[in-house]
PDB file of N, CA and C in Angstrom:
ATOM      1  N   MET A   1     -11.878  27.785  -6.568  1.00  0.00           N
ATOM      2  CA  MET A   1     -12.436  27.081  -7.692  1.00  0.00           C
ATOM      3  C   MET A   1     -11.572  27.215  -8.939  1.00  0.00           C
ATOM      4  N   MET A   2     -10.873  28.315  -9.047  1.00  0.00           N
ATOM      5  CA  MET A   2     -10.035  28.529 -10.226  1.00  0.00           C
ATOM      6  C   MET A   2      -8.906  27.500 -10.295  1.00  0.00           C
ATOM      7  N   SER A   3      -8.451  27.015  -9.143  1.00  0.00           N
ATOM      8  CA  SER A   3      -7.335  26.072  -9.147  1.00  0.00           C
ATOM      9  C   SER A   3      -7.715  24.748  -9.799  1.00  0.00           C
ATOM     10  N   PHE A   4      -8.969  24.323  -9.677  1.00  0.00           N
ATOM     11  CA  PHE A   4      -9.379  23.062 -10.293  1.00  0.00           C
ATOM     12  C   PHE A   4      -9.339  23.141 -11.816  1.00  0.00           C
ATOM     13  N   SER A   5      -9.550  24.317 -12.373  1.00  0.00           N
ATOM     14  CA  SER A   5      -9.502  24.444 -13.837  1.00  0.00           C
ATOM     15  C   SER A   5      -8.082  24.270 -14.366  1.00  0.00           C
ATOM     16  N   PHE A   6      -7.083  24.470 -13.530  1.00  0.00           N
ATOM     17  CA  PHE A   6      -5.699  24.213 -13.915  1.00  0.00           C
ATOM     18  C   PHE A   6      -5.246  22.813 -13.485  1.00  0.00           C
ATOM     19  N   MET A   7      -5.728  22.373 -12.346  1.00  0.00           N
ATOM     20  CA  MET A   7      -5.250  21.120 -11.778  1.00  0.00           C
ATOM     21  C   MET A   7      -5.729  19.904 -12.564  1.00  0.00           C
ATOM     22  N   ILE A   8      -6.993  19.848 -12.923  1.00  0.00           N
ATOM     23  CA  ILE A   8      -7.536  18.659 -13.590  1.00  0.00           C
ATOM     24  C   ILE A   8      -6.874  18.420 -14.952  1.00  0.00           C
ATOM     25  N   PRO A   9      -6.770  19.422 -15.846  1.00  0.00           N
ATOM     26  CA  PRO A   9      -6.065  19.169 -17.105  1.00  0.00           C
ATOM     27  C   PRO A   9      -4.585  18.834 -16.895  1.00  0.00           C
ATOM     28  N   GLY A  10      -3.956  19.454 -15.911  1.00  0.00           N
ATOM     29  CA  GLY A  10      -2.567  19.143 -15.618  1.00  0.00           C
ATOM     30  C   GLY A  10      -2.394  17.722 -15.120  1.00  0.00           C
ATOM     31  N   MET A  11      -3.336  17.275 -14.295  1.00  0.00           N
ATOM     32  CA  MET A  11      -3.302  15.910 -13.793  1.00  0.00           C
ATOM     33  C   MET A  11      -3.454  14.902 -14.932  1.00  0.00           C
ATOM     34  N   ILE A  12      -4.372  15.162 -15.826  1.00  0.00           N
ATOM     35  CA  ILE A  12      -4.591  14.256 -16.956  1.00  0.00           C
ATOM     36  C   ILE A  12      -3.379  14.249 -17.884  1.00  0.00           C
ATOM     37  N   GLU A  13      -2.799  15.395 -18.119  1.00  0.00           N
ATOM     38  CA  GLU A  13      -1.591  15.459 -18.955  1.00  0.00           C
ATOM     39  C   GLU A  13      -0.432  14.709 -18.305  1.00  0.00           C
ATOM     40  N   PHE A  14      -0.289  14.859 -17.008  1.00  0.00           N
ATOM     41  CA  PHE A  14       0.759  14.140 -16.287  1.00  0.00           C
ATOM     42  C   PHE A  14       0.570  12.630 -16.407  1.00  0.00           C
ATOM     43  N   VAL A  15      -0.648  12.167 -16.201  1.00  0.00           N
ATOM     44  CA  VAL A  15      -0.944  10.732 -16.303  1.00  0.00           C
ATOM     45  C   VAL A  15      -0.675  10.242 -17.720  1.00  0.00           C
ATOM     46  N   ASN A  16      -1.095  11.002 -18.716  1.00  0.00           N
ATOM     47  CA  ASN A  16      -0.854  10.605 -20.107  1.00  0.00           C
ATOM     48  C   ASN A  16       0.632  10.548 -20.440  1.00  0.00           C
ATOM     49  N   LYS A  17       1.405  11.428 -19.848  1.00  0.00           N
ATOM     50  CA  LYS A  17       2.828  11.502 -20.167  1.00  0.00           C
ATOM     51  C   LYS A  17       3.636  10.388 -19.508  1.00  0.00           C
ATOM     52  N   TYR A  18       3.323  10.049 -18.267  1.00  0.00           N
ATOM     53  CA  TYR A  18       4.182   9.159 -17.504  1.00  0.00           C
ATOM     54  C   TYR A  18       3.677   7.723 -17.363  1.00  0.00           C
ATOM     55  N   LEU A  19       2.427   7.449 -17.715  1.00  0.00           N
ATOM     56  CA  LEU A  19       1.928   6.084 -17.598  1.00  0.00           C
ATOM     57  C   LEU A  19       1.820   5.428 -18.970  1.00  0.00           C
ATOM     58  N   LYS A  20       1.885   4.118 -18.952  1.00  0.00           N
ATOM     59  CA  LYS A  20       1.704   3.368 -20.194  1.00  0.00           C
ATOM     60  C   LYS A  20       0.254   3.478 -20.642  1.00  0.00           C
ATOM     61  N   GLU A  21       0.018   3.238 -21.910  1.00  0.00           N
ATOM     62  CA  GLU A  21      -1.322   3.440 -22.480  1.00  0.00           C
ATOM     63  C   GLU A  21      -2.393   2.613 -21.771  1.00  0.00           C
ATOM     64  N   ARG A  22      -2.064   1.395 -21.395  1.00  0.00           N
ATOM     65  CA  ARG A  22      -3.067   0.547 -20.757  1.00  0.00           C
ATOM     66  C   ARG A  22      -3.330   0.932 -19.297  1.00  0.00           C
ATOM     67  N   GLU A  23      -2.514   1.809 -18.727  1.00  0.00           N
ATOM     68  CA  GLU A  23      -2.666   2.215 -17.333  1.00  0.00           C
ATOM     69  C   GLU A  23      -3.265   3.611 -17.159  1.00  0.00           C
ATOM     70  N   ILE A  24      -3.588   4.281 -18.256  1.00  0.00           N
ATOM     71  CA  ILE A  24      -4.046   5.676 -18.175  1.00  0.00           C
ATOM     72  C   ILE A  24      -5.374   5.799 -17.435  1.00  0.00           C
ATOM     73  N   ILE A  25      -6.344   4.945 -17.749  1.00  0.00           N
ATOM     74  CA  ILE A  25      -7.648   5.031 -17.080  1.00  0.00           C
ATOM     75  C   ILE A  25      -7.495   4.799 -15.578  1.00  0.00           C
ATOM     76  N   ARG A  26      -6.693   3.819 -15.211  1.00  0.00           N
ATOM     77  CA  ARG A  26      -6.455   3.549 -13.794  1.00  0.00           C
ATOM     78  C   ARG A  26      -5.781   4.747 -13.133  1.00  0.00           C
ATOM     79  N   GLY A  27      -4.840   5.376 -13.818  1.00  0.00           N
ATOM     80  CA  GLY A  27      -4.142   6.525 -13.261  1.00  0.00           C
ATOM     81  C   GLY A  27      -5.058   7.706 -13.023  1.00  0.00           C
ATOM     82  N   VAL A  28      -5.911   8.002 -13.989  1.00  0.00           N
ATOM     83  CA  VAL A  28      -6.862   9.115 -13.828  1.00  0.00           C
ATOM     84  C   VAL A  28      -7.856   8.796 -12.712  1.00  0.00           C
ATOM     85  N   SER A  29      -8.328   7.552 -12.652  1.00  0.00           N
ATOM     86  CA  SER A  29      -9.273   7.159 -11.605  1.00  0.00           C
ATOM     87  C   SER A  29      -8.648   7.274 -10.224  1.00  0.00           C
ATOM     88  N   MET A  30      -7.414   6.826 -10.094  1.00  0.00           N
ATOM     89  CA  MET A  30      -6.757   6.881  -8.791  1.00  0.00           C
ATOM     90  C   MET A  30      -6.476   8.322  -8.358  1.00  0.00           C
ATOM     91  N   THR A  31      -6.051   9.157  -9.283  1.00  0.00           N
ATOM     92  CA  THR A  31      -5.788  10.546  -8.900  1.00  0.00           C
ATOM     93  C   THR A  31      -7.086  11.268  -8.536  1.00  0.00           C
ATOM     94  N   SER A  32      -8.179  10.953  -9.225  1.00  0.00           N
ATOM     95  CA  SER A  32      -9.472  11.550  -8.875  1.00  0.00           C
ATOM     96  C   SER A  32      -9.929  11.082  -7.498  1.00  0.00           C
ATOM     97  N   MET A  33      -9.724   9.806  -7.199  1.00  0.00           N
ATOM     98  CA  MET A  33     -10.084   9.270  -5.894  1.00  0.00           C
ATOM     99  C   MET A  33      -9.246   9.931  -4.796  1.00  0.00           C
ATOM    100  N   ILE A  34      -7.970  10.117  -5.056  1.00  0.00           N
ATOM    101  CA  ILE A  34      -7.086  10.747  -4.066  1.00  0.00           C
ATOM    102  C   ILE A  34      -7.505  12.193  -3.820  1.00  0.00           C
ATOM    103  N   ILE A  35      -7.916  12.896  -4.875  1.00  0.00           N
ATOM    104  CA  ILE A  35      -8.384  14.276  -4.701  1.00  0.00           C
ATOM    105  C   ILE A  35      -9.620  14.306  -3.809  1.00  0.00           C
ATOM    106  N   GLY A  36     -10.556  13.391  -4.034  1.00  0.00           N
ATOM    107  CA  GLY A  36     -11.769  13.335  -3.213  1.00  0.00           C
ATOM    108  C   GLY A  36     -11.480  13.017  -1.760  1.00  0.00           C
ATOM    109  N   ILE A  37     -10.690  11.983  -1.521  1.00  0.00           N
ATOM    110  CA  ILE A  37     -10.347  11.596  -0.148  1.00  0.00           C
ATOM    111  C   ILE A  37      -9.530  12.694   0.528  1.00  0.00           C
ATOM    112  N   GLY A  38      -8.597  13.277  -0.220  1.00  0.00           N
ATOM    113  CA  GLY A  38      -7.783  14.359   0.332  1.00  0.00           C
ATOM    114  C   GLY A  38      -8.613  15.571   0.719  1.00  0.00           C
ATOM    115  N   SER A  39      -9.633  15.869  -0.071  1.00  0.00           N
ATOM    116  CA  SER A  39     -10.511  17.003   0.256  1.00  0.00           C
ATOM    117  C   SER A  39     -11.261  16.761   1.558  1.00  0.00           C
ATOM    118  N   ILE A  40     -11.727  15.540   1.765  1.00  0.00           N
ATOM    119  CA  ILE A  40     -12.444  15.218   3.001  1.00  0.00           C
ATOM    120  C   ILE A  40     -11.510  15.291   4.205  1.00  0.00           C
ATOM    121  N   ILE A  41     -10.354  14.679   4.086  1.00  0.00           N
ATOM    122  CA  ILE A  41      -9.402  14.677   5.203  1.00  0.00           C
ATOM    123  C   ILE A  41      -8.899  16.090   5.493  1.00  0.00           C
ATOM    124  N   ALA A  42      -8.568  16.837   4.439  1.00  0.00           N
ATOM    125  CA  ALA A  42      -8.051  18.201   4.633  1.00  0.00           C
ATOM    126  C   ALA A  42      -9.094  19.112   5.266  1.00  0.00           C
ATOM    127  N   SER A  43     -10.349  18.965   4.875  1.00  0.00           N
ATOM    128  CA  SER A  43     -11.407  19.789   5.470  1.00  0.00           C
ATOM    129  C   SER A  43     -11.565  19.492   6.951  1.00  0.00           C
ATOM    130  N   THR A  44     -11.496  18.218   7.304  1.00  0.00           N
ATOM    131  CA  THR A  44     -11.642  17.830   8.706  1.00  0.00           C
ATOM    132  C   THR A  44     -10.476  18.336   9.545  1.00  0.00           C
ATOM    133  N   ILE A  45      -9.257  18.078   9.087  1.00  0.00           N
ATOM    134  CA  ILE A  45      -8.078  18.521   9.841  1.00  0.00           C
ATOM    135  C   ILE A  45      -8.007  20.047   9.886  1.00  0.00           C
ATOM    136  N   GLY A  46      -8.301  20.692   8.759  1.00  0.00           N
ATOM    137  CA  GLY A  46      -8.294  22.157   8.728  1.00  0.00           C
ATOM    138  C   GLY A  46      -9.311  22.756   9.685  1.00  0.00           C
ATOM    139  N   GLY A  47     -10.469  22.121   9.794  1.00  0.00           N
ATOM    140  CA  GLY A  47     -11.487  22.600  10.727  1.00  0.00           C
ATOM    141  C   GLY A  47     -11.028  22.495  12.172  1.00  0.00           C
ATOM    142  N   TYR A  48     -10.413  21.368  12.518  1.00  0.00           N
ATOM    143  CA  TYR A  48      -9.897  21.209  13.875  1.00  0.00           C
ATOM    144  C   TYR A  48      -8.806  22.225  14.176  1.00  0.00           C
ATOM    145  N   ILE A  49      -7.871  22.394  13.271  1.00  0.00           N
ATOM    146  CA  ILE A  49      -6.784  23.356  13.503  1.00  0.00           C
ATOM    147  C   ILE A  49      -7.339  24.768  13.606  1.00  0.00           C
ATOM    148  N   SER A  50      -8.286  25.075  12.750  1.00  0.00           N
ATOM    149  CA  SER A  50      -8.896  26.404  12.776  1.00  0.00           C
ATOM    150  C   SER A  50      -9.642  26.658  14.086  1.00  0.00           C
ATOM    151  N   ASP A  51     -10.362  25.657  14.587  1.00  0.00           N
ATOM    152  CA  ASP A  51     -11.094  25.824  15.840  1.00  0.00           C
ATOM    153  C   ASP A  51     -10.164  25.952  17.040  1.00  0.00           C
ATOM    154  N   ILE A  52      -9.101  25.168  17.048  1.00  0.00           N
ATOM    155  CA  ILE A  52      -8.225  25.136  18.225  1.00  0.00           C
ATOM    156  C   ILE A  52      -7.201  26.274  18.209  1.00  0.00           C
ATOM    157  N   TYR A  53      -6.551  26.501  17.059  1.00  0.00           N
ATOM    158  CA  TYR A  53      -5.431  27.450  17.003  1.00  0.00           C
ATOM    159  C   TYR A  53      -5.733  28.737  16.238  1.00  0.00           C
ATOM    160  N   GLY A  54      -6.809  28.784  15.503  1.00  0.00           N
ATOM    161  CA  GLY A  54      -7.155  29.974  14.743  1.00  0.00           C
ATOM    162  C   GLY A  54      -6.890  29.807  13.253  1.00  0.00           C
ATOM    163  N   VAL A  55      -7.469  30.711  12.481  1.00  0.00           N
ATOM    164  CA  VAL A  55      -7.394  30.618  11.034  1.00  0.00           C
ATOM    165  C   VAL A  55      -5.980  30.864  10.513  1.00  0.00           C
ATOM    166  N   SER A  56      -5.252  31.789  11.098  1.00  0.00           N
ATOM    167  CA  SER A  56      -3.899  32.069  10.601  1.00  0.00           C
ATOM    168  C   SER A  56      -2.979  30.872  10.806  1.00  0.00           C
ATOM    169  N   SER A  57      -3.130  30.156  11.905  1.00  0.00           N
ATOM    170  CA  SER A  57      -2.334  28.943  12.117  1.00  0.00           C
ATOM    171  C   SER A  57      -2.698  27.857  11.115  1.00  0.00           C
ATOM    172  N   MET A  58      -3.980  27.756  10.805  1.00  0.00           N
ATOM    173  CA  MET A  58      -4.427  26.771   9.822  1.00  0.00           C
ATOM    174  C   MET A  58      -3.855  27.092   8.443  1.00  0.00           C
ATOM    175  N   ASN A  59      -3.842  28.354   8.079  1.00  0.00           N
ATOM    176  CA  ASN A  59      -3.264  28.749   6.795  1.00  0.00           C
ATOM    177  C   ASN A  59      -1.761  28.488   6.751  1.00  0.00           C
ATOM    178  N   MET A  60      -1.057  28.735   7.845  1.00  0.00           N
ATOM    179  CA  MET A  60       0.379  28.452   7.898  1.00  0.00           C
ATOM    180  C   MET A  60       0.635  26.960   7.786  1.00  0.00           C
ATOM    181  N   PHE A  61      -0.170  26.145   8.453  1.00  0.00           N
ATOM    182  CA  PHE A  61      -0.045  24.692   8.356  1.00  0.00           C
ATOM    183  C   PHE A  61      -0.262  24.227   6.918  1.00  0.00           C
ATOM    184  N   ALA A  62      -1.285  24.780   6.261  1.00  0.00           N
ATOM    185  CA  ALA A  62      -1.562  24.418   4.868  1.00  0.00           C
ATOM    186  C   ALA A  62      -0.402  24.817   3.956  1.00  0.00           C
ATOM    187  N   LEU A  63       0.190  25.975   4.190  1.00  0.00           N
ATOM    188  CA  LEU A  63       1.326  26.423   3.391  1.00  0.00           C
ATOM    189  C   LEU A  63       2.531  25.501   3.567  1.00  0.00           C
ATOM    190  N   ILE A  64       2.809  25.125   4.790  1.00  0.00           N
ATOM    191  CA  ILE A  64       3.949  24.243   5.061  1.00  0.00           C
ATOM    192  C   ILE A  64       3.736  22.879   4.418  1.00  0.00           C
ATOM    193  N   ILE A  65       2.542  22.315   4.547  1.00  0.00           N
ATOM    194  CA  ILE A  65       2.240  21.017   3.936  1.00  0.00           C
ATOM    195  C   ILE A  65       2.341  21.106   2.415  1.00  0.00           C
ATOM    196  N   THR A  66       1.885  22.202   1.834  1.00  0.00           N
ATOM    197  CA  THR A  66       1.960  22.380   0.387  1.00  0.00           C
ATOM    198  C   THR A  66       3.402  22.432  -0.098  1.00  0.00           C
ATOM    199  N   ILE A  67       4.244  23.166   0.600  1.00  0.00           N
ATOM    200  CA  ILE A  67       5.653  23.272   0.214  1.00  0.00           C
ATOM    201  C   ILE A  67       6.351  21.918   0.335  1.00  0.00           C
ATOM    202  N   ILE A  68       6.112  21.210   1.439  1.00  0.00           N
ATOM    203  CA  ILE A  68       6.720  19.888   1.621  1.00  0.00           C
ATOM    204  C   ILE A  68       6.254  18.926   0.541  1.00  0.00           C
ATOM    205  N   SER A  69       4.979  18.945   0.226  1.00  0.00           N
ATOM    206  CA  SER A  69       4.438  18.056  -0.811  1.00  0.00           C
ATOM    207  C   SER A  69       5.009  18.375  -2.185  1.00  0.00           C
ATOM    208  N   ALA A  70       5.146  19.650  -2.506  1.00  0.00           N
ATOM    209  CA  ALA A  70       5.696  20.037  -3.811  1.00  0.00           C
ATOM    210  C   ALA A  70       7.151  19.598  -3.941  1.00  0.00           C
ATOM    211  N   ILE A  71       7.926  19.751  -2.876  1.00  0.00           N
ATOM    212  CA  ILE A  71       9.326  19.322  -2.909  1.00  0.00           C
ATOM    213  C   ILE A  71       9.415  17.801  -3.056  1.00  0.00           C
ATOM    214  N   ALA A  72       8.606  17.067  -2.310  1.00  0.00           N
ATOM    215  CA  ALA A  72       8.610  15.604  -2.399  1.00  0.00           C
ATOM    216  C   ALA A  72       8.190  15.135  -3.785  1.00  0.00           C
ATOM    217  N   PHE A  73       7.188  15.788  -4.364  1.00  0.00           N
ATOM    218  CA  PHE A  73       6.730  15.446  -5.707  1.00  0.00           C
ATOM    219  C   PHE A  73       7.829  15.685  -6.728  1.00  0.00           C
ATOM    220  N   TYR A  74       8.480  16.817  -6.642  1.00  0.00           N
ATOM    221  CA  TYR A  74       9.551  17.164  -7.576  1.00  0.00           C
ATOM    222  C   TYR A  74      10.705  16.167  -7.492  1.00  0.00           C
ATOM    223  N   ILE A  75      11.119  15.845  -6.270  1.00  0.00           N
ATOM    224  CA  ILE A  75      12.222  14.893  -6.087  1.00  0.00           C
ATOM    225  C   ILE A  75      11.839  13.522  -6.622  1.00  0.00           C
ATOM    226  N   THR A  76      10.628  13.079  -6.346  1.00  0.00           N
ATOM    227  CA  THR A  76      10.172  11.761  -6.819  1.00  0.00           C
ATOM    228  C   THR A  76      10.157  11.690  -8.324  1.00  0.00           C
ATOM    229  N   ILE A  77       9.630  12.712  -8.965  1.00  0.00           N
ATOM    230  CA  ILE A  77       9.540  12.707 -10.429  1.00  0.00           C
ATOM    231  C   ILE A  77      10.933  12.765 -11.047  1.00  0.00           C
ATOM    232  N   LYS A  78      11.807  13.586 -10.512  1.00  0.00           N
ATOM    233  CA  LYS A  78      13.152  13.703 -11.088  1.00  0.00           C
ATOM    234  C   LYS A  78      13.964  12.435 -10.923  1.00  0.00           C
ATOM    235  N   THR A  79      13.798  11.723  -9.800  1.00  0.00           N
ATOM    236  CA  THR A  79      14.577  10.500  -9.611  1.00  0.00           C
ATOM    237  C   THR A  79      13.978   9.313 -10.334  1.00  0.00           C
ATOM    238  N   LYS A  80      12.659   9.242 -10.425  1.00  0.00           N
ATOM    239  CA  LYS A  80      12.014   8.081 -11.042  1.00  0.00           C
ATOM    240  C   LYS A  80      11.980   8.176 -12.560  1.00  0.00           C
ATOM    241  N   TYR A  81      11.770   9.362 -13.096  1.00  0.00           N
ATOM    242  CA  TYR A  81      11.610   9.534 -14.543  1.00  0.00           C
ATOM    243  C   TYR A  81      12.721  10.389 -15.121  1.00  0.00           C
ATOM    244  N   LYS A  82      13.952   9.978 -14.957  1.00  0.00           N
ATOM    245  CA  LYS A  82      15.067  10.714 -15.552  1.00  0.00           C
ATOM    246  C   LYS A  82      15.002  10.613 -17.060  1.00  0.00           C
ATOM    247  N   SER A  83      15.135  11.746 -17.717  1.00  0.00           N
ATOM    248  CA  SER A  83      15.061  11.761 -19.185  1.00  0.00           C
ATOM    249  C   SER A  83      16.422  11.559 -19.795  1.00  0.00           C
TER     250      SER A  83
END
């Protein structure tokens, strides 16, 4: 639960920084929708992995996906929004 207290303000700041003023509401709405859908999908996939392979395998899978996503996010932001 502590992560949401950092993630939501960071998400809003990111949207405010990189989107045009007329697109901010759409950006916040889309990121909120993605968080909701992602939570449902991640819970389902995590449950299957946990049932079939065990909790430690599920945690390793989550760690690998997190690292890949962070690298992809960083590369996308650096190439698209060069200062």
